[in-house]
N, C-alpha and C. Protein backbone atom coordinates (compact mmCIF):
# COMPACT_ATOMS: atom_id res chain seq x y z
N MET A 1 -40.81 16.59 0.81
CA MET A 1 -40.14 17.29 0.58
C MET A 1 -40.11 17.81 2.08
N SER A 2 -38.74 17.61 2.16
CA SER A 2 -38.34 18.64 4.18
C SER A 2 -37.79 20.14 4.27
N THR A 3 -37.49 20.20 5.33
CA THR A 3 -38.01 22.26 5.98
C THR A 3 -36.14 22.31 5.49
N LEU A 4 -35.97 24.17 5.13
CA LEU A 4 -34.55 24.06 5.48
C LEU A 4 -33.82 23.19 6.08
N HIS A 5 -34.77 24.40 7.16
CA HIS A 5 -34.37 23.62 9.07
C HIS A 5 -33.88 22.21 9.55
N GLU A 6 -34.71 20.97 8.39
CA GLU A 6 -34.86 19.50 8.71
C GLU A 6 -33.53 18.93 7.81
N VAL A 7 -33.40 19.61 7.13
CA VAL A 7 -32.01 19.71 5.45
C VAL A 7 -30.57 20.02 6.41
N GLY A 8 -30.27 21.15 6.86
CA GLY A 8 -30.06 21.89 7.65
C GLY A 8 -28.95 21.24 8.57
N GLU A 9 -29.83 20.16 9.71
CA GLU A 9 -29.83 19.09 11.13
C GLU A 9 -28.88 17.81 10.05
N ARG A 10 -30.29 17.40 8.95
CA ARG A 10 -29.50 16.50 8.70
C ARG A 10 -27.71 16.28 8.33
N ASN A 11 -27.61 17.55 7.79
CA ASN A 11 -26.64 17.20 7.31
C ASN A 11 -25.11 18.71 7.85
N ALA A 12 -25.61 19.08 9.27
CA ALA A 12 -24.47 18.96 9.30
C ALA A 12 -24.18 21.27 9.73
N TRP A 13 -25.94 21.21 8.95
CA TRP A 13 -25.35 22.52 8.84
C TRP A 13 -24.08 23.11 8.03
N ARG A 14 -23.42 21.80 6.60
CA ARG A 14 -21.85 22.64 5.95
C ARG A 14 -23.41 22.22 4.38
N CYS A 15 -22.37 22.90 3.48
CA CYS A 15 -22.66 22.42 2.46
C CYS A 15 -22.42 21.95 1.96
N TRP A 16 -22.97 21.66 1.75
CA TRP A 16 -22.22 20.06 0.79
C TRP A 16 -21.35 19.88 -1.02
N LEU A 17 -21.62 21.22 -1.29
CA LEU A 17 -20.57 21.60 -2.56
C LEU A 17 -19.36 22.08 -2.17
N CYS A 18 -19.70 23.08 -0.62
CA CYS A 18 -17.52 23.73 -0.91
C CYS A 18 -16.87 23.23 0.57
N ASP A 19 -19.03 22.70 1.38
CA ASP A 19 -17.78 21.91 2.32
C ASP A 19 -17.96 23.05 3.81
N GLU A 20 -18.24 24.30 3.55
CA GLU A 20 -18.24 24.94 4.44
C GLU A 20 -19.54 25.54 5.16
N PRO A 21 -19.04 25.70 7.29
CA PRO A 21 -20.31 25.95 7.15
C PRO A 21 -21.01 27.13 6.69
N VAL A 22 -23.01 26.67 7.04
CA VAL A 22 -24.12 27.16 6.88
C VAL A 22 -24.13 27.91 7.55
N ASP A 23 -25.00 29.45 8.65
CA ASP A 23 -25.26 29.97 9.58
C ASP A 23 -26.72 29.65 8.83
N PRO A 24 -27.24 28.84 10.16
CA PRO A 24 -28.74 28.71 9.98
C PRO A 24 -29.34 29.94 10.08
N ASP A 25 -29.32 30.82 10.37
CA ASP A 25 -29.56 32.07 10.49
C ASP A 25 -29.52 32.98 10.02
N ALA A 26 -28.63 32.82 8.50
CA ALA A 26 -28.80 34.15 7.35
C ALA A 26 -29.64 34.08 6.69
N SER A 27 -30.09 34.88 6.46
CA SER A 27 -31.16 35.14 5.34
C SER A 27 -31.37 34.49 4.24
N VAL A 28 -32.17 33.16 3.54
CA VAL A 28 -31.94 32.74 2.29
C VAL A 28 -31.79 33.45 1.12
N ASN A 29 -31.53 35.27 1.38
CA ASN A 29 -32.04 35.82 0.20
C ASN A 29 -29.96 36.24 -0.32
N ALA A 30 -29.27 35.57 0.81
CA ALA A 30 -27.78 35.95 0.99
C ALA A 30 -26.89 35.39 -0.08
N ASP A 31 -26.24 35.84 -0.47
CA ASP A 31 -25.42 34.13 -1.12
C ASP A 31 -24.72 33.36 0.16
N ARG A 32 -24.65 33.42 1.72
CA ARG A 32 -24.25 32.25 2.16
C ARG A 32 -25.03 32.18 2.71
N GLY A 33 -26.07 32.54 3.04
CA GLY A 33 -26.89 32.31 3.84
C GLY A 33 -27.75 30.74 2.66
N PRO A 34 -28.46 29.30 3.60
CA PRO A 34 -28.84 28.81 3.43
C PRO A 34 -30.28 27.80 2.34
N SER A 35 -29.78 27.47 1.17
CA SER A 35 -30.60 26.93 0.47
C SER A 35 -31.05 25.21 0.65
N ILE A 36 -31.44 24.84 0.11
CA ILE A 36 -31.36 23.05 -0.42
C ILE A 36 -31.92 23.32 -1.48
N ASP A 37 -31.08 22.26 -2.61
CA ASP A 37 -30.72 21.64 -3.37
C ASP A 37 -30.87 20.15 -3.37
N GLY A 38 -31.66 20.37 -4.43
CA GLY A 38 -33.05 19.81 -4.78
C GLY A 38 -32.75 17.42 -5.84
N GLY A 39 -31.12 17.94 -5.60
CA GLY A 39 -30.52 17.04 -6.28
C GLY A 39 -30.90 17.07 -7.57
N ALA A 40 -30.45 15.62 -8.10
CA ALA A 40 -30.78 15.47 -9.46
C ALA A 40 -31.67 13.96 -9.22
N ALA A 41 -32.45 14.20 -9.87
CA ALA A 41 -33.64 13.03 -9.91
C ALA A 41 -33.81 12.65 -11.73
N PRO A 42 -34.11 11.88 -12.25
CA PRO A 42 -34.42 11.54 -13.69
C PRO A 42 -35.84 12.41 -13.55
N LYS A 43 -35.97 12.78 -15.66
CA LYS A 43 -36.23 14.09 -15.60
C LYS A 43 -37.73 13.69 -16.13
N GLY A 44 -38.03 14.80 -15.50
CA GLY A 44 -40.36 13.84 -15.11
C GLY A 44 -40.31 14.52 -13.41
N LYS A 45 -39.48 13.28 -13.06
CA LYS A 45 -39.52 13.13 -11.51
C LYS A 45 -39.29 14.41 -10.75
N LYS A 46 -39.82 14.05 -9.58
CA LYS A 46 -39.76 14.37 -8.07
C LYS A 46 -38.28 14.14 -7.07
N SER A 47 -36.95 14.70 -7.34
CA SER A 47 -36.74 14.46 -6.22
C SER A 47 -36.96 13.63 -4.97
N ALA A 48 -36.28 12.37 -4.31
CA ALA A 48 -36.65 11.96 -3.12
C ALA A 48 -35.93 12.44 -1.90
N ALA A 49 -36.75 13.09 -0.74
CA ALA A 49 -36.60 13.35 0.19
C ALA A 49 -34.96 13.29 0.17
N GLY A 50 -34.26 11.82 0.02
CA GLY A 50 -33.00 11.51 0.30
C GLY A 50 -31.96 11.85 0.09
N THR A 51 -32.09 12.66 -1.12
CA THR A 51 -30.74 13.13 -1.59
C THR A 51 -30.98 14.90 -1.52
N GLU A 52 -32.37 15.95 -0.89
CA GLU A 52 -32.09 17.03 -0.33
C GLU A 52 -30.97 17.43 0.32
N ARG A 53 -30.19 18.67 -0.07
CA ARG A 53 -28.99 18.09 0.03
C ARG A 53 -28.95 20.21 0.93
N LEU A 54 -28.65 19.85 1.77
CA LEU A 54 -27.63 22.29 2.26
C LEU A 54 -26.99 22.55 1.17
N ALA A 55 -26.94 23.58 0.71
CA ALA A 55 -25.85 24.63 0.12
C ALA A 55 -26.27 25.39 0.45
N HIS A 56 -24.54 27.02 0.48
CA HIS A 56 -24.49 27.99 0.34
C HIS A 56 -25.73 28.65 -1.17
N ARG A 57 -26.79 29.70 -0.81
CA ARG A 57 -27.29 29.99 -1.78
C ARG A 57 -26.69 29.84 -3.06
N ALA A 58 -25.39 30.90 -3.01
CA ALA A 58 -24.17 31.34 -4.38
C ALA A 58 -23.85 29.78 -4.33
N CYS A 59 -23.56 28.90 -3.86
CA CYS A 59 -23.18 27.71 -4.17
C CYS A 59 -23.82 26.99 -4.96
N ASN A 60 -25.44 27.22 -4.47
CA ASN A 60 -26.09 26.19 -5.34
C ASN A 60 -26.91 27.44 -6.90
N THR A 61 -26.68 28.70 -6.45
CA THR A 61 -26.53 28.56 -7.86
C THR A 61 -26.06 29.14 -8.87
N ARG A 62 -24.34 29.42 -8.38
CA ARG A 62 -23.70 29.18 -9.63
C ARG A 62 -23.39 27.59 -9.90
N LYS A 63 -23.85 26.60 -9.30
CA LYS A 63 -23.78 24.74 -10.19
C LYS A 63 -24.57 24.76 -11.35
N GLY A 64 -25.69 25.20 -11.07
CA GLY A 64 -27.42 25.70 -12.17
C GLY A 64 -27.70 24.07 -12.32
N ALA A 65 -27.67 23.78 -13.53
CA ALA A 65 -27.91 22.63 -13.75
C ALA A 65 -26.96 21.50 -14.62
N VAL A 66 -26.22 21.56 -14.09
CA VAL A 66 -24.63 21.41 -14.67
C VAL A 66 -24.09 20.04 -12.70
N LYS A 67 -23.68 19.29 -13.66
CA LYS A 67 -22.33 18.57 -12.44
C LYS A 67 -21.22 19.61 -12.63
N PRO A 68 -21.92 19.46 -10.51
CA PRO A 68 -20.96 20.24 -9.67
C PRO A 68 -19.46 19.77 -9.55
N VAL A 69 -18.31 20.37 -8.88
CA VAL A 69 -17.17 20.09 -8.75
C VAL A 69 -17.05 20.05 -7.49
N VAL A 70 -16.38 18.51 -6.61
CA VAL A 70 -16.23 19.06 -4.98
C VAL A 70 -14.74 18.60 -4.98
N PRO A 71 -14.59 19.84 -4.42
CA PRO A 71 -12.97 19.96 -4.59
C PRO A 71 -11.71 19.50 -3.39
N TRP A 72 -10.37 19.55 -4.11
CA TRP A 72 -10.23 18.28 -2.62
C TRP A 72 -10.00 18.97 -2.01
N SER A 73 -9.37 19.30 -0.50
CA SER A 73 -9.26 20.16 0.17
C SER A 73 -7.71 20.86 0.02
N PRO A 74 -7.04 21.62 -0.51
CA PRO A 74 -6.32 22.45 -0.70
C PRO A 74 -4.77 22.12 0.63
N THR A 75 -5.40 21.88 1.35
CA THR A 75 -3.65 21.82 2.31
C THR A 75 -3.45 19.79 2.56
N LEU A 76 -4.17 19.21 1.77
CA LEU A 76 -3.27 17.98 1.47
C LEU A 76 -2.73 18.14 0.21
N PHE A 77 -2.20 17.35 0.60
CA PHE A 77 -0.69 16.94 -0.61
C PHE A 77 -1.12 15.28 -1.56
N VAL A 78 -1.73 15.74 -1.78
CA VAL A 78 -2.08 14.26 -3.69
C VAL A 78 -1.93 15.20 -4.62
N VAL A 79 -1.82 13.37 -5.44
CA VAL A 79 -1.27 13.99 -6.77
C VAL A 79 -2.28 13.41 -7.95
N GLU A 80 -2.82 14.25 -8.26
CA GLU A 80 -3.41 13.47 -9.56
C GLU A 80 -5.07 13.13 -8.72
N PRO A 81 -5.47 13.77 -8.02
CA PRO A 81 -6.77 13.51 -7.18
C PRO A 81 -8.05 12.95 -8.17
N ALA A 82 -8.85 11.69 -8.16
CA ALA A 82 -9.54 11.81 -9.02
C ALA A 82 -10.78 12.57 -8.22
N PRO A 83 -11.29 12.79 -10.05
CA PRO A 83 -13.09 13.66 -9.33
C PRO A 83 -13.66 13.11 -8.25
N ILE A 84 -14.27 14.06 -6.80
CA ILE A 84 -14.80 13.21 -6.49
C ILE A 84 -16.30 12.86 -6.11
N VAL A 85 -16.82 14.03 -7.23
CA VAL A 85 -18.38 12.82 -7.33
C VAL A 85 -18.51 12.18 -8.73
N SER A 86 -17.81 11.90 -9.87
CA SER A 86 -17.63 10.98 -10.65
C SER A 86 -17.46 9.81 -9.92
N THR A 87 -16.40 9.80 -8.92
CA THR A 87 -15.77 8.84 -7.87
C THR A 87 -17.05 7.95 -7.47
N VAL A 88 -17.99 8.69 -6.60
CA VAL A 88 -18.74 8.00 -6.04
C VAL A 88 -20.28 7.93 -6.61
N GLU A 89 -20.30 8.34 -7.61
CA GLU A 89 -21.73 8.23 -8.53
C GLU A 89 -20.18 6.37 -9.13
N ARG A 90 -19.32 6.45 -9.63
CA ARG A 90 -19.79 4.40 -9.61
C ARG A 90 -18.99 3.87 -8.70
N LEU A 91 -18.07 4.01 -7.92
CA LEU A 91 -18.58 3.97 -6.73
C LEU A 91 -19.92 3.03 -6.06
N THR A 92 -21.50 3.13 -6.24
CA THR A 92 -22.88 4.18 -5.79
C THR A 92 -23.16 2.64 -6.82
N ARG A 93 -22.71 3.16 -8.46
CA ARG A 93 -23.47 2.16 -8.91
C ARG A 93 -23.33 1.24 -9.57
N LYS A 94 -21.58 0.86 -9.06
CA LYS A 94 -20.88 -0.72 -9.85
C LYS A 94 -20.24 -1.58 -8.71
N GLY A 95 -19.96 -0.12 -7.17
CA GLY A 95 -19.64 -0.66 -5.90
C GLY A 95 -17.70 -1.40 -6.14
N GLY A 96 -17.60 -1.51 -5.57
CA GLY A 96 -15.94 -1.54 -6.13
C GLY A 96 -14.48 -1.29 -5.18
N ARG A 97 -13.76 -0.83 -5.96
CA ARG A 97 -12.65 -0.34 -5.70
C ARG A 97 -11.75 0.35 -6.62
N GLU A 98 -11.71 2.05 -6.24
CA GLU A 98 -10.95 2.83 -7.45
C GLU A 98 -9.78 3.56 -6.22
N VAL A 99 -8.99 3.05 -6.76
CA VAL A 99 -7.33 4.37 -6.40
C VAL A 99 -8.32 6.01 -6.82
N VAL A 100 -7.72 6.55 -6.27
CA VAL A 100 -8.48 8.13 -5.97
C VAL A 100 -7.61 8.41 -5.97
N ALA A 101 -6.59 8.96 -6.03
CA ALA A 101 -5.11 9.61 -5.23
C ALA A 101 -3.35 8.37 -5.20
N ARG A 102 -2.67 9.94 -5.78
CA ARG A 102 -1.20 8.90 -5.25
C ARG A 102 -0.43 10.53 -4.10
N CYS A 103 0.24 9.79 -2.95
CA CYS A 103 1.06 10.73 -1.86
C CYS A 103 2.30 10.42 -1.94
N PRO A 104 2.98 11.40 -2.13
CA PRO A 104 4.58 11.04 -1.52
C PRO A 104 4.89 10.38 -0.47
N SER A 105 4.50 10.42 0.98
CA SER A 105 4.39 10.03 1.87
C SER A 105 3.10 9.46 2.22
N ARG A 106 4.05 8.14 3.42
CA ARG A 106 2.30 7.72 4.38
C ARG A 106 1.85 9.03 5.19
N PRO A 107 2.25 9.49 6.02
CA PRO A 107 2.06 10.92 6.36
C PRO A 107 0.47 11.96 5.62
N ASP A 108 1.16 11.91 4.28
CA ASP A 108 0.44 12.84 3.52
C ASP A 108 -0.93 12.05 3.27
N ALA A 109 -0.11 10.13 2.66
CA ALA A 109 -1.76 9.32 2.33
C ALA A 109 -3.20 9.41 3.51
N ASP A 110 -2.28 8.80 5.01
CA ASP A 110 -3.28 9.08 6.17
C ASP A 110 -4.20 9.92 6.39
N GLN A 111 -3.47 11.21 6.60
CA GLN A 111 -4.34 12.30 6.40
C GLN A 111 -5.83 12.44 5.46
N ALA A 112 -5.23 12.43 3.89
CA ALA A 112 -5.91 12.58 2.93
C ALA A 112 -7.43 11.76 3.23
N ALA A 113 -6.61 10.03 3.75
CA ALA A 113 -7.60 9.35 4.16
C ALA A 113 -8.70 9.40 5.16
N MET A 114 -8.47 10.42 5.34
CA MET A 114 -9.54 10.70 7.03
C MET A 114 -10.04 12.11 5.39
N TRP A 115 -9.37 12.77 5.57
CA TRP A 115 -9.85 14.40 5.24
C TRP A 115 -11.65 13.23 3.42
N LEU A 116 -10.56 12.41 3.30
CA LEU A 116 -11.63 11.82 2.53
C LEU A 116 -13.45 11.76 3.75
N LEU A 117 -12.43 10.46 3.20
CA LEU A 117 -13.68 9.43 4.24
C LEU A 117 -14.88 11.12 5.49
N ASP A 118 -14.48 11.80 5.96
CA ASP A 118 -15.04 12.49 5.93
C ASP A 118 -15.80 13.58 5.56
N ARG A 119 -15.45 13.87 4.86
CA ARG A 119 -15.49 14.37 2.74
C ARG A 119 -17.08 13.93 3.13
N LEU A 120 -16.75 12.85 2.54
CA LEU A 120 -17.77 11.55 2.06
C LEU A 120 -18.81 11.70 2.79
N SER A 121 -19.02 11.77 4.10
CA SER A 121 -20.02 11.71 5.15
C SER A 121 -19.77 12.44 4.97
N ARG A 122 -20.49 13.26 4.55
CA ARG A 122 -21.46 14.49 4.32
C ARG A 122 -22.04 14.84 2.83
N PHE A 123 -21.76 14.64 2.34
CA PHE A 123 -21.58 14.24 0.87
C PHE A 123 -22.43 13.13 0.03
N ALA A 124 -22.17 12.35 0.63
CA ALA A 124 -22.46 11.14 -0.08
C ALA A 124 -22.41 10.39 1.18
N PRO A 125 -23.91 10.33 2.46
CA PRO A 125 -24.61 9.54 3.47
C PRO A 125 -24.39 8.74 3.38
N ASP A 126 -25.25 8.22 1.88
CA ASP A 126 -25.54 6.77 1.51
C ASP A 126 -24.26 6.40 1.22
N LEU A 127 -23.57 6.16 1.43
CA LEU A 127 -22.09 4.78 0.38
C LEU A 127 -21.62 4.94 1.57
N SER A 128 -21.41 3.39 1.81
CA SER A 128 -20.83 2.76 2.62
C SER A 128 -19.38 2.72 2.23
N VAL A 129 -17.86 3.25 2.74
CA VAL A 129 -17.35 3.50 2.18
C VAL A 129 -15.40 2.78 2.84
N THR A 130 -15.09 3.11 3.38
CA THR A 130 -13.56 2.20 3.41
C THR A 130 -12.44 2.54 3.15
N THR A 131 -11.43 3.30 3.79
CA THR A 131 -9.79 4.23 2.71
C THR A 131 -9.15 2.89 3.03
N GLN A 132 -7.99 2.82 1.71
CA GLN A 132 -6.68 2.11 2.74
C GLN A 132 -5.63 2.91 2.09
N VAL A 133 -4.14 2.58 2.14
CA VAL A 133 -2.78 2.86 1.98
C VAL A 133 -2.39 1.87 1.80
N GLU A 134 -1.78 2.05 -0.14
CA GLU A 134 -1.19 1.11 0.04
C GLU A 134 0.45 1.85 -0.66
N GLU A 135 0.99 1.22 -0.11
CA GLU A 135 2.39 1.04 -1.09
C GLU A 135 3.12 0.87 -2.20
N GLY A 136 3.59 1.94 -3.01
CA GLY A 136 3.73 1.25 -3.90
C GLY A 136 5.12 2.26 -5.24
N GLY A 137 5.78 1.58 -5.73
CA GLY A 137 6.05 2.39 -6.85
C GLY A 137 7.10 4.09 -5.89
N GLY A 138 7.37 3.99 -5.02
CA GLY A 138 7.77 5.42 -4.61
C GLY A 138 7.00 6.48 -3.88
N GLN A 139 5.68 5.56 -3.56
CA GLN A 139 4.82 6.60 -3.24
C GLN A 139 3.21 5.65 -3.16
N PHE A 140 2.49 6.46 -2.13
CA PHE A 140 1.92 6.04 -1.35
C PHE A 140 0.48 5.70 -2.18
N LEU A 141 -1.29 5.17 -2.43
CA LEU A 141 -1.85 4.91 -3.10
C LEU A 141 -2.55 5.27 -2.19
N LEU A 142 -4.06 5.86 -2.92
CA LEU A 142 -4.88 6.25 -1.86
C LEU A 142 -5.83 5.38 -2.47
N VAL A 143 -7.05 4.65 -1.69
CA VAL A 143 -7.70 3.22 -2.19
C VAL A 143 -9.26 3.92 -1.49
N LEU A 144 -10.17 4.30 -2.23
CA LEU A 144 -11.50 3.77 -1.84
C LEU A 144 -12.46 3.21 -2.05
N ARG A 145 -12.82 1.96 -0.90
CA ARG A 145 -13.50 0.50 -0.94
C ARG A 145 -14.56 0.88 -1.69
N ALA A 146 -16.03 0.47 -1.82
CA ALA A 146 -17.38 0.03 -1.43
C ALA A 146 -18.00 -0.92 -1.16
N LEU A 147 -18.30 -1.16 0.63
CA LEU A 147 -18.64 -1.57 1.35
C LEU A 147 -19.42 -2.34 0.98
């Protein structure tokens, strides 16, 4: 099991659930204080150190034992975005490619692609992916491909 400081450094002191900064000097008892989310492990087994992620105490508590929801940025113009957690799980398990959102313009799709790569670098650092923007039907599709 890693220390809070080791997990914080590995995660660049950002909460993996809300993607907001975590203050390393805040009390671990404060809602916005740092905590370690052990990640999902098979029943009866301890989680591996690689699945430990940094979270705000309140985010970690709110998540509890249910599958987390990792939101898309509200600053992006995306239509019908795919759930990030489910998409990452499928790509990790099966590989391939998935259409994850539609955008009305190329600049919107390019911005969403950059944001998604940055977000996944913290959320699923072991998953190697690329993004593609494909034109079709008067809109732009954002495609995520596992390498």
